[in-house]
Amino acid sequence: MELTEPLDAAEVFEQARRPATADIVLSNRKGGPEEGVIDVVEARAPNGFDDIEKVVSHEHRQAIVRGYASLAGYARDQVNARSAGAGGRRALQAIRRSIS
């Protein structure tokens, strides 16, 4: 699909990005990945701790952060796939052509 009109291109871009962006905003309002880790630690060690590994493993903390990265579209496979894709790029190119 050739996008020649800037408003058409902007609409395509908006339709592609809005759902993902909304999910990220909602997650950020809950505190993002660091808050997820903090919540787990507070639930498991309400009176403090000496060794974070005894409260929540590195793997578990990493899974929380990777879950957020995936939601935000920054997981390694998502970034690599995006660099090979053309959907949003076509829309941006059409917008740039229209304003240059």
PDB file of N, CA and C in Angstrom:
ATOM      1  N   MET A   1       0.839  -1.169   0.000  1.00  0.00           N
ATOM      2  CA  MET A   1       0.000   0.000   0.000  1.00  0.00           C
ATOM      3  C   MET A   1       0.888   1.237   0.000  1.00  0.00           C
ATOM      4  N   GLU A   2       0.721   2.073  -0.984  1.00  0.00           N
ATOM      5  CA  GLU A   2       1.501   3.296  -1.083  1.00  0.00           C
ATOM      6  C   GLU A   2       0.790   4.403  -0.307  1.00  0.00           C
ATOM      7  N   LEU A   3       1.486   4.990   0.608  1.00  0.00           N
ATOM      8  CA  LEU A   3       0.921   6.070   1.423  1.00  0.00           C
ATOM      9  C   LEU A   3       1.465   7.386   0.900  1.00  0.00           C
ATOM     10  N   THR A   4       0.618   8.133   0.223  1.00  0.00           N
ATOM     11  CA  THR A   4       1.081   9.398  -0.353  1.00  0.00           C
ATOM     12  C   THR A   4       0.573  10.608   0.409  1.00  0.00           C
ATOM     13  N   GLU A   5      -0.543  10.466   1.072  1.00  0.00           N
ATOM     14  CA  GLU A   5      -1.106  11.577   1.826  1.00  0.00           C
ATOM     15  C   GLU A   5      -0.589  11.541   3.264  1.00  0.00           C
ATOM     16  N   PRO A   6      -0.108  12.658   3.771  1.00  0.00           N
ATOM     17  CA  PRO A   6       0.458  12.651   5.128  1.00  0.00           C
ATOM     18  C   PRO A   6      -0.549  12.229   6.196  1.00  0.00           C
ATOM     19  N   LEU A   7      -1.796  12.640   6.061  1.00  0.00           N
ATOM     20  CA  LEU A   7      -2.780  12.249   7.075  1.00  0.00           C
ATOM     21  C   LEU A   7      -3.051  10.753   7.040  1.00  0.00           C
ATOM     22  N   ASP A   8      -3.042  10.155   5.840  1.00  0.00           N
ATOM     23  CA  ASP A   8      -3.209   8.703   5.743  1.00  0.00           C
ATOM     24  C   ASP A   8      -2.041   7.996   6.417  1.00  0.00           C
ATOM     25  N   ALA A   9      -0.855   8.478   6.153  1.00  0.00           N
ATOM     26  CA  ALA A   9       0.335   7.874   6.748  1.00  0.00           C
ATOM     27  C   ALA A   9       0.317   8.011   8.266  1.00  0.00           C
ATOM     28  N   ALA A  10      -0.073   9.186   8.738  1.00  0.00           N
ATOM     29  CA  ALA A  10      -0.138   9.399  10.186  1.00  0.00           C
ATOM     30  C   ALA A  10      -1.179   8.492  10.823  1.00  0.00           C
ATOM     31  N   GLU A  11      -2.301   8.292  10.154  1.00  0.00           N
ATOM     32  CA  GLU A  11      -3.356   7.416  10.682  1.00  0.00           C
ATOM     33  C   GLU A  11      -2.877   5.967  10.756  1.00  0.00           C
ATOM     34  N   VAL A  12      -2.176   5.505   9.732  1.00  0.00           N
ATOM     35  CA  VAL A  12      -1.633   4.141   9.744  1.00  0.00           C
ATOM     36  C   VAL A  12      -0.653   3.987  10.907  1.00  0.00           C
ATOM     37  N   PHE A  13       0.204   4.970  11.057  1.00  0.00           N
ATOM     38  CA  PHE A  13       1.180   4.931  12.147  1.00  0.00           C
ATOM     39  C   PHE A  13       0.471   4.924  13.499  1.00  0.00           C
ATOM     40  N   GLU A  14      -0.531   5.774  13.658  1.00  0.00           N
ATOM     41  CA  GLU A  14      -1.274   5.859  14.917  1.00  0.00           C
ATOM     42  C   GLU A  14      -1.969   4.537  15.238  1.00  0.00           C
ATOM     43  N   GLN A  15      -2.606   3.933  14.261  1.00  0.00           N
ATOM     44  CA  GLN A  15      -3.300   2.659  14.475  1.00  0.00           C
ATOM     45  C   GLN A  15      -2.332   1.563  14.891  1.00  0.00           C
ATOM     46  N   ALA A  16      -1.133   1.613  14.370  1.00  0.00           N
ATOM     47  CA  ALA A  16      -0.139   0.596  14.715  1.00  0.00           C
ATOM     48  C   ALA A  16       0.431   0.807  16.115  1.00  0.00           C
ATOM     49  N   ARG A  17       0.598   2.045  16.534  1.00  0.00           N
ATOM     50  CA  ARG A  17       1.299   2.339  17.783  1.00  0.00           C
ATOM     51  C   ARG A  17       0.389   2.544  18.987  1.00  0.00           C
ATOM     52  N   ARG A  18      -0.840   2.979  18.779  1.00  0.00           N
ATOM     53  CA  ARG A  18      -1.698   3.339  19.916  1.00  0.00           C
ATOM     54  C   ARG A  18      -1.906   2.187  20.909  1.00  0.00           C
ATOM     55  N   PRO A  19      -2.283   0.983  20.486  1.00  0.00           N
ATOM     56  CA  PRO A  19      -2.510  -0.082  21.476  1.00  0.00           C
ATOM     57  C   PRO A  19      -1.264  -0.388  22.313  1.00  0.00           C
ATOM     58  N   ALA A  20      -0.124  -0.478  21.661  1.00  0.00           N
ATOM     59  CA  ALA A  20       1.110  -0.770  22.396  1.00  0.00           C
ATOM     60  C   ALA A  20       1.459   0.358  23.352  1.00  0.00           C
ATOM     61  N   THR A  21       1.298   1.578  22.902  1.00  0.00           N
ATOM     62  CA  THR A  21       1.598   2.727  23.745  1.00  0.00           C
ATOM     63  C   THR A  21       0.680   2.783  24.957  1.00  0.00           C
ATOM     64  N   ALA A  22      -0.600   2.487  24.745  1.00  0.00           N
ATOM     65  CA  ALA A  22      -1.551   2.491  25.865  1.00  0.00           C
ATOM     66  C   ALA A  22      -1.161   1.457  26.915  1.00  0.00           C
ATOM     67  N   ASP A  23      -0.735   0.282  26.479  1.00  0.00           N
ATOM     68  CA  ASP A  23      -0.313  -0.757  27.426  1.00  0.00           C
ATOM     69  C   ASP A  23       0.905  -0.313  28.235  1.00  0.00           C
ATOM     70  N   ILE A  24       1.828   0.355  27.575  1.00  0.00           N
ATOM     71  CA  ILE A  24       3.030   0.839  28.267  1.00  0.00           C
ATOM     72  C   ILE A  24       2.661   1.912  29.288  1.00  0.00           C
ATOM     73  N   VAL A  25       1.789   2.822  28.906  1.00  0.00           N
ATOM     74  CA  VAL A  25       1.360   3.884  29.827  1.00  0.00           C
ATOM     75  C   VAL A  25       0.703   3.271  31.062  1.00  0.00           C
ATOM     76  N   LEU A  26      -0.181   2.309  30.859  1.00  0.00           N
ATOM     77  CA  LEU A  26      -0.844   1.669  32.004  1.00  0.00           C
ATOM     78  C   LEU A  26       0.168   0.965  32.901  1.00  0.00           C
ATOM     79  N   SER A  27       1.133   0.290  32.305  1.00  0.00           N
ATOM     80  CA  SER A  27       2.166  -0.372  33.099  1.00  0.00           C
ATOM     81  C   SER A  27       2.996   0.644  33.876  1.00  0.00           C
ATOM     82  N   ASN A  28       3.331   1.751  33.245  1.00  0.00           N
ATOM     83  CA  ASN A  28       4.108   2.792  33.926  1.00  0.00           C
ATOM     84  C   ASN A  28       3.336   3.389  35.097  1.00  0.00           C
ATOM     85  N   ARG A  29       2.033   3.506  34.947  1.00  0.00           N
ATOM     86  CA  ARG A  29       1.222   4.034  36.046  1.00  0.00           C
ATOM     87  C   ARG A  29       1.242   3.098  37.242  1.00  0.00           C
ATOM     88  N   LYS A  30       1.503   1.839  36.996  1.00  0.00           N
ATOM     89  CA  LYS A  30       1.623   0.864  38.087  1.00  0.00           C
ATOM     90  C   LYS A  30       3.043   0.858  38.645  1.00  0.00           C
ATOM     91  N   GLY A  31       3.951   1.575  38.009  1.00  0.00           N
ATOM     92  CA  GLY A  31       5.301   1.691  38.530  1.00  0.00           C
ATOM     93  C   GLY A  31       6.378   1.106  37.645  1.00  0.00           C
ATOM     94  N   GLY A  32       6.043   0.473  36.549  1.00  0.00           N
ATOM     95  CA  GLY A  32       7.052  -0.074  35.655  1.00  0.00           C
ATOM     96  C   GLY A  32       7.756  -1.279  36.251  1.00  0.00           C
ATOM     97  N   PRO A  33       8.835  -1.707  35.627  1.00  0.00           N
ATOM     98  CA  PRO A  33       9.503  -2.939  36.057  1.00  0.00           C
ATOM     99  C   PRO A  33      10.123  -2.854  37.445  1.00  0.00           C
ATOM    100  N   GLU A  34      10.657  -1.693  37.783  1.00  0.00           N
ATOM    101  CA  GLU A  34      11.286  -1.585  39.107  1.00  0.00           C
ATOM    102  C   GLU A  34      10.251  -1.741  40.216  1.00  0.00           C
ATOM    103  N   GLU A  35       9.054  -1.227  39.980  1.00  0.00           N
ATOM    104  CA  GLU A  35       8.001  -1.377  40.983  1.00  0.00           C
ATOM    105  C   GLU A  35       7.583  -2.838  41.119  1.00  0.00           C
ATOM    106  N   GLY A  36       7.597  -3.569  40.007  1.00  0.00           N
ATOM    107  CA  GLY A  36       7.281  -4.996  40.064  1.00  0.00           C
ATOM    108  C   GLY A  36       8.262  -5.745  40.940  1.00  0.00           C
ATOM    109  N   VAL A  37       9.518  -5.429  40.800  1.00  0.00           N
ATOM    110  CA  VAL A  37      10.552  -6.067  41.633  1.00  0.00           C
ATOM    111  C   VAL A  37      10.361  -5.650  43.092  1.00  0.00           C
ATOM    112  N   ILE A  38      10.128  -4.378  43.316  1.00  0.00           N
ATOM    113  CA  ILE A  38       9.937  -3.882  44.687  1.00  0.00           C
ATOM    114  C   ILE A  38       8.738  -4.553  45.341  1.00  0.00           C
ATOM    115  N   ASP A  39       7.656  -4.712  44.591  1.00  0.00           N
ATOM    116  CA  ASP A  39       6.462  -5.367  45.137  1.00  0.00           C
ATOM    117  C   ASP A  39       6.753  -6.793  45.583  1.00  0.00           C
ATOM    118  N   VAL A  40       7.483  -7.528  44.770  1.00  0.00           N
ATOM    119  CA  VAL A  40       7.831  -8.910  45.123  1.00  0.00           C
ATOM    120  C   VAL A  40       8.699  -8.931  46.376  1.00  0.00           C
ATOM    121  N   VAL A  41       9.687  -8.060  46.424  1.00  0.00           N
ATOM    122  CA  VAL A  41      10.587  -8.021  47.581  1.00  0.00           C
ATOM    123  C   VAL A  41       9.823  -7.635  48.845  1.00  0.00           C
ATOM    124  N   GLU A  42       8.977  -6.631  48.763  1.00  0.00           N
ATOM    125  CA  GLU A  42       8.205  -6.208  49.942  1.00  0.00           C
ATOM    126  C   GLU A  42       7.272  -7.312  50.431  1.00  0.00           C
ATOM    127  N   ALA A  43       6.679  -8.044  49.498  1.00  0.00           N
ATOM    128  CA  ALA A  43       5.769  -9.126  49.889  1.00  0.00           C
ATOM    129  C   ALA A  43       6.518 -10.269  50.555  1.00  0.00           C
ATOM    130  N   ARG A  44       7.724 -10.552  50.077  1.00  0.00           N
ATOM    131  CA  ARG A  44       8.483 -11.693  50.606  1.00  0.00           C
ATOM    132  C   ARG A  44       9.331 -11.348  51.814  1.00  0.00           C
ATOM    133  N   ALA A  45       9.714 -10.081  51.940  1.00  0.00           N
ATOM    134  CA  ALA A  45      10.592  -9.692  53.046  1.00  0.00           C
ATOM    135  C   ALA A  45      10.108  -8.367  53.640  1.00  0.00           C
ATOM    136  N   PRO A  46       8.939  -8.359  54.250  1.00  0.00           N
ATOM    137  CA  PRO A  46       8.393  -7.099  54.769  1.00  0.00           C
ATOM    138  C   PRO A  46       9.234  -6.464  55.869  1.00  0.00           C
ATOM    139  N   ASN A  47      10.074  -7.235  56.516  1.00  0.00           N
ATOM    140  CA  ASN A  47      10.909  -6.711  57.602  1.00  0.00           C
ATOM    141  C   ASN A  47      12.349  -6.467  57.179  1.00  0.00           C
ATOM    142  N   GLY A  48      12.598  -6.465  55.893  1.00  0.00           N
ATOM    143  CA  GLY A  48      13.951  -6.227  55.396  1.00  0.00           C
ATOM    144  C   GLY A  48      14.673  -7.515  55.059  1.00  0.00           C
ATOM    145  N   PHE A  49      15.890  -7.383  54.586  1.00  0.00           N
ATOM    146  CA  PHE A  49      16.673  -8.545  54.174  1.00  0.00           C
ATOM    147  C   PHE A  49      18.141  -8.165  54.123  1.00  0.00           C
ATOM    148  N   ASP A  50      18.979  -9.177  54.135  1.00  0.00           N
ATOM    149  CA  ASP A  50      20.420  -8.970  54.015  1.00  0.00           C
ATOM    150  C   ASP A  50      20.941  -9.368  52.641  1.00  0.00           C
ATOM    151  N   ASP A  51      20.220 -10.284  51.983  1.00  0.00           N
ATOM    152  CA  ASP A  51      20.681 -10.810  50.701  1.00  0.00           C
ATOM    153  C   ASP A  51      19.496 -10.902  49.745  1.00  0.00           C
ATOM    154  N   ILE A  52      19.488 -10.054  48.749  1.00  0.00           N
ATOM    155  CA  ILE A  52      18.374 -10.013  47.808  1.00  0.00           C
ATOM    156  C   ILE A  52      18.154 -11.364  47.136  1.00  0.00           C
ATOM    157  N   GLU A  53      19.228 -12.106  46.904  1.00  0.00           N
ATOM    158  CA  GLU A  53      19.119 -13.418  46.253  1.00  0.00           C
ATOM    159  C   GLU A  53      18.294 -14.405  47.083  1.00  0.00           C
ATOM    160  N   LYS A  54      18.282 -14.221  48.393  1.00  0.00           N
ATOM    161  CA  LYS A  54      17.484 -15.105  49.248  1.00  0.00           C
ATOM    162  C   LYS A  54      16.008 -14.714  49.226  1.00  0.00           C
ATOM    163  N   VAL A  55      15.726 -13.520  48.759  1.00  0.00           N
ATOM    164  CA  VAL A  55      14.348 -13.032  48.704  1.00  0.00           C
ATOM    165  C   VAL A  55      13.747 -13.294  47.326  1.00  0.00           C
ATOM    166  N   VAL A  56      14.451 -12.895  46.301  1.00  0.00           N
ATOM    167  CA  VAL A  56      13.990 -13.093  44.923  1.00  0.00           C
ATOM    168  C   VAL A  56      15.222 -13.268  44.038  1.00  0.00           C
ATOM    169  N   SER A  57      15.236 -14.341  43.296  1.00  0.00           N
ATOM    170  CA  SER A  57      16.423 -14.676  42.502  1.00  0.00           C
ATOM    171  C   SER A  57      16.663 -13.661  41.384  1.00  0.00           C
ATOM    172  N   HIS A  58      17.888 -13.645  40.935  1.00  0.00           N
ATOM    173  CA  HIS A  58      18.253 -12.796  39.811  1.00  0.00           C
ATOM    174  C   HIS A  58      17.386 -13.143  38.602  1.00  0.00           C
ATOM    175  N   GLU A  59      17.152 -14.418  38.379  1.00  0.00           N
ATOM    176  CA  GLU A  59      16.342 -14.858  37.247  1.00  0.00           C
ATOM    177  C   GLU A  59      14.919 -14.296  37.336  1.00  0.00           C
ATOM    178  N   HIS A  60      14.342 -14.300  38.543  1.00  0.00           N
ATOM    179  CA  HIS A  60      12.996 -13.773  38.715  1.00  0.00           C
ATOM    180  C   HIS A  60      12.976 -12.265  38.470  1.00  0.00           C
ATOM    181  N   ARG A  61      13.942 -11.555  39.004  1.00  0.00           N
ATOM    182  CA  ARG A  61      14.020 -10.109  38.782  1.00  0.00           C
ATOM    183  C   ARG A  61      14.195  -9.811  37.294  1.00  0.00           C
ATOM    184  N   GLN A  62      15.030 -10.598  36.652  1.00  0.00           N
ATOM    185  CA  GLN A  62      15.267 -10.415  35.229  1.00  0.00           C
ATOM    186  C   GLN A  62      13.988 -10.697  34.419  1.00  0.00           C
ATOM    187  N   ALA A  63      13.219 -11.689  34.822  1.00  0.00           N
ATOM    188  CA  ALA A  63      11.965 -12.005  34.128  1.00  0.00           C
ATOM    189  C   ALA A  63      10.978 -10.842  34.229  1.00  0.00           C
ATOM    190  N   ILE A  64      10.929 -10.198  35.372  1.00  0.00           N
ATOM    191  CA  ILE A  64      10.045  -9.037  35.537  1.00  0.00           C
ATOM    192  C   ILE A  64      10.463  -7.928  34.585  1.00  0.00           C
ATOM    193  N   VAL A  65      11.739  -7.635  34.547  1.00  0.00           N
ATOM    194  CA  VAL A  65      12.247  -6.573  33.678  1.00  0.00           C
ATOM    195  C   VAL A  65      12.064  -6.945  32.210  1.00  0.00           C
ATOM    196  N   ARG A  66      12.334  -8.185  31.860  1.00  0.00           N
ATOM    197  CA  ARG A  66      12.165  -8.610  30.460  1.00  0.00           C
ATOM    198  C   ARG A  66      10.700  -8.575  30.041  1.00  0.00           C
ATOM    199  N   GLY A  67       9.808  -8.860  30.965  1.00  0.00           N
ATOM    200  CA  GLY A  67       8.387  -8.766  30.653  1.00  0.00           C
ATOM    201  C   GLY A  67       8.009  -7.346  30.266  1.00  0.00           C
ATOM    202  N   TYR A  68       8.550  -6.389  31.004  1.00  0.00           N
ATOM    203  CA  TYR A  68       8.300  -4.988  30.681  1.00  0.00           C
ATOM    204  C   TYR A  68       8.943  -4.624  29.346  1.00  0.00           C
ATOM    205  N   ALA A  69      10.149  -5.079  29.122  1.00  0.00           N
ATOM    206  CA  ALA A  69      10.828  -4.788  27.852  1.00  0.00           C
ATOM    207  C   ALA A  69      10.022  -5.333  26.682  1.00  0.00           C
ATOM    208  N   SER A  70       9.449  -6.499  26.866  1.00  0.00           N
ATOM    209  CA  SER A  70       8.619  -7.089  25.820  1.00  0.00           C
ATOM    210  C   SER A  70       7.372  -6.250  25.585  1.00  0.00           C
ATOM    211  N   LEU A  71       6.737  -5.827  26.655  1.00  0.00           N
ATOM    212  CA  LEU A  71       5.550  -4.979  26.554  1.00  0.00           C
ATOM    213  C   LEU A  71       5.881  -3.683  25.822  1.00  0.00           C
ATOM    214  N   ALA A  72       7.021  -3.116  26.133  1.00  0.00           N
ATOM    215  CA  ALA A  72       7.430  -1.846  25.540  1.00  0.00           C
ATOM    216  C   ALA A  72       7.980  -2.008  24.123  1.00  0.00           C
ATOM    217  N   GLY A  73       8.185  -3.249  23.693  1.00  0.00           N
ATOM    218  CA  GLY A  73       8.703  -3.487  22.350  1.00  0.00           C
ATOM    219  C   GLY A  73      10.213  -3.442  22.258  1.00  0.00           C
ATOM    220  N   TYR A  74      10.876  -3.588  23.401  1.00  0.00           N
ATOM    221  CA  TYR A  74      12.330  -3.520  23.424  1.00  0.00           C
ATOM    222  C   TYR A  74      13.011  -4.857  23.661  1.00  0.00           C
ATOM    223  N   ALA A  75      12.250  -5.933  23.622  1.00  0.00           N
ATOM    224  CA  ALA A  75      12.877  -7.248  23.724  1.00  0.00           C
ATOM    225  C   ALA A  75      13.731  -7.456  22.471  1.00  0.00           C
ATOM    226  N   ARG A  76      14.815  -8.172  22.613  1.00  0.00           N
ATOM    227  CA  ARG A  76      15.777  -8.328  21.520  1.00  0.00           C
ATOM    228  C   ARG A  76      15.108  -8.807  20.229  1.00  0.00           C
ATOM    229  N   ASP A  77      14.256  -9.832  20.320  1.00  0.00           N
ATOM    230  CA  ASP A  77      13.626 -10.344  19.097  1.00  0.00           C
ATOM    231  C   ASP A  77      12.691  -9.317  18.465  1.00  0.00           C
ATOM    232  N   GLN A  78      12.039  -8.502  19.289  1.00  0.00           N
ATOM    233  CA  GLN A  78      11.154  -7.472  18.748  1.00  0.00           C
ATOM    234  C   GLN A  78      11.942  -6.388  18.029  1.00  0.00           C
ATOM    235  N   VAL A  79      13.045  -5.976  18.605  1.00  0.00           N
ATOM    236  CA  VAL A  79      13.866  -4.940  17.988  1.00  0.00           C
ATOM    237  C   VAL A  79      14.440  -5.458  16.673  1.00  0.00           C
ATOM    238  N   ASN A  80      14.908  -6.693  16.678  1.00  0.00           N
ATOM    239  CA  ASN A  80      15.466  -7.264  15.454  1.00  0.00           C
ATOM    240  C   ASN A  80      14.402  -7.403  14.374  1.00  0.00           C
ATOM    241  N   ALA A  81      13.196  -7.826  14.751  1.00  0.00           N
ATOM    242  CA  ALA A  81      12.114  -7.968  13.771  1.00  0.00           C
ATOM    243  C   ALA A  81      11.711  -6.611  13.216  1.00  0.00           C
ATOM    244  N   ARG A  82      11.677  -5.605  14.080  1.00  0.00           N
ATOM    245  CA  ARG A  82      11.290  -4.269  13.654  1.00  0.00           C
ATOM    246  C   ARG A  82      12.289  -3.704  12.658  1.00  0.00           C
ATOM    247  N   SER A  83      13.557  -3.985  12.876  1.00  0.00           N
ATOM    248  CA  SER A  83      14.555  -3.441  11.968  1.00  0.00           C
ATOM    249  C   SER A  83      14.419  -4.057  10.579  1.00  0.00           C
ATOM    250  N   ALA A  84      13.820  -5.235  10.505  1.00  0.00           N
ATOM    251  CA  ALA A  84      13.607  -5.882   9.216  1.00  0.00           C
ATOM    252  C   ALA A  84      12.265  -5.513   8.600  1.00  0.00           C
ATOM    253  N   GLY A  85      11.330  -4.975   9.396  1.00  0.00           N
ATOM    254  CA  GLY A  85       9.981  -4.660   8.922  1.00  0.00           C
ATOM    255  C   GLY A  85       9.902  -3.295   8.278  1.00  0.00           C
ATOM    256  N   ALA A  86       8.775  -3.049   7.602  1.00  0.00           N
ATOM    257  CA  ALA A  86       8.642  -1.788   6.887  1.00  0.00           C
ATOM    258  C   ALA A  86       7.359  -1.034   7.202  1.00  0.00           C
ATOM    259  N   GLY A  87       6.461  -1.568   8.003  1.00  0.00           N
ATOM    260  CA  GLY A  87       5.155  -0.955   8.233  1.00  0.00           C
ATOM    261  C   GLY A  87       5.217   0.481   8.695  1.00  0.00           C
ATOM    262  N   GLY A  88       5.769   0.722   9.857  1.00  0.00           N
ATOM    263  CA  GLY A  88       5.855   2.078  10.385  1.00  0.00           C
ATOM    264  C   GLY A  88       6.805   2.947   9.586  1.00  0.00           C
ATOM    265  N   ARG A  89       7.815   2.325   9.024  1.00  0.00           N
ATOM    266  CA  ARG A  89       8.786   3.071   8.239  1.00  0.00           C
ATOM    267  C   ARG A  89       8.135   3.713   7.010  1.00  0.00           C
ATOM    268  N   ARG A  90       7.228   2.968   6.346  1.00  0.00           N
ATOM    269  CA  ARG A  90       6.524   3.523   5.177  1.00  0.00           C
ATOM    270  C   ARG A  90       5.724   4.756   5.564  1.00  0.00           C
ATOM    271  N   ALA A  91       5.036   4.679   6.699  1.00  0.00           N
ATOM    272  CA  ALA A  91       4.232   5.813   7.149  1.00  0.00           C
ATOM    273  C   ALA A  91       5.120   7.020   7.429  1.00  0.00           C
ATOM    274  N   LEU A  92       6.232   6.816   8.107  1.00  0.00           N
ATOM    275  CA  LEU A  92       7.139   7.928   8.402  1.00  0.00           C
ATOM    276  C   LEU A  92       7.744   8.515   7.137  1.00  0.00           C
ATOM    277  N   GLN A  93       8.080   7.657   6.191  1.00  0.00           N
ATOM    278  CA  GLN A  93       8.642   8.153   4.935  1.00  0.00           C
ATOM    279  C   GLN A  93       7.632   9.016   4.192  1.00  0.00           C
ATOM    280  N   ALA A  94       6.360   8.605   4.194  1.00  0.00           N
ATOM    281  CA  ALA A  94       5.328   9.391   3.520  1.00  0.00           C
ATOM    282  C   ALA A  94       5.157  10.752   4.192  1.00  0.00           C
ATOM    283  N   ILE A  95       5.199  10.772   5.517  1.00  0.00           N
ATOM    284  CA  ILE A  95       5.090  12.048   6.243  1.00  0.00           C
ATOM    285  C   ILE A  95       6.280  12.942   5.898  1.00  0.00           C
ATOM    286  N   ARG A  96       7.462  12.361   5.907  1.00  0.00           N
ATOM    287  CA  ARG A  96       8.666  13.168   5.590  1.00  0.00           C
ATOM    288  C   ARG A  96       8.600  13.726   4.181  1.00  0.00           C
ATOM    289  N   ARG A  97       8.139  12.912   3.212  1.00  0.00           N
ATOM    290  CA  ARG A  97       8.035  13.383   1.830  1.00  0.00           C
ATOM    291  C   ARG A  97       7.071  14.560   1.728  1.00  0.00           C
ATOM    292  N   SER A  98       5.991  14.494   2.496  1.00  0.00           N
ATOM    293  CA  SER A  98       4.966  15.519   2.372  1.00  0.00           C
ATOM    294  C   SER A  98       5.397  16.857   2.966  1.00  0.00           C
ATOM    295  N   ILE A  99       6.345  16.839   3.894  1.00  0.00           N
ATOM    296  CA  ILE A  99       6.762  18.097   4.517  1.00  0.00           C
ATOM    297  C   ILE A  99       8.079  18.624   3.972  1.00  0.00           C
ATOM    298  N   SER A 100       8.693  17.872   3.081  1.00  0.00           N
ATOM    299  CA  SER A 100       9.968  18.347   2.537  1.00  0.00           C
ATOM    300  C   SER A 100       9.790  19.056   1.214  1.00  0.00           C
TER     301      SER A 100
END
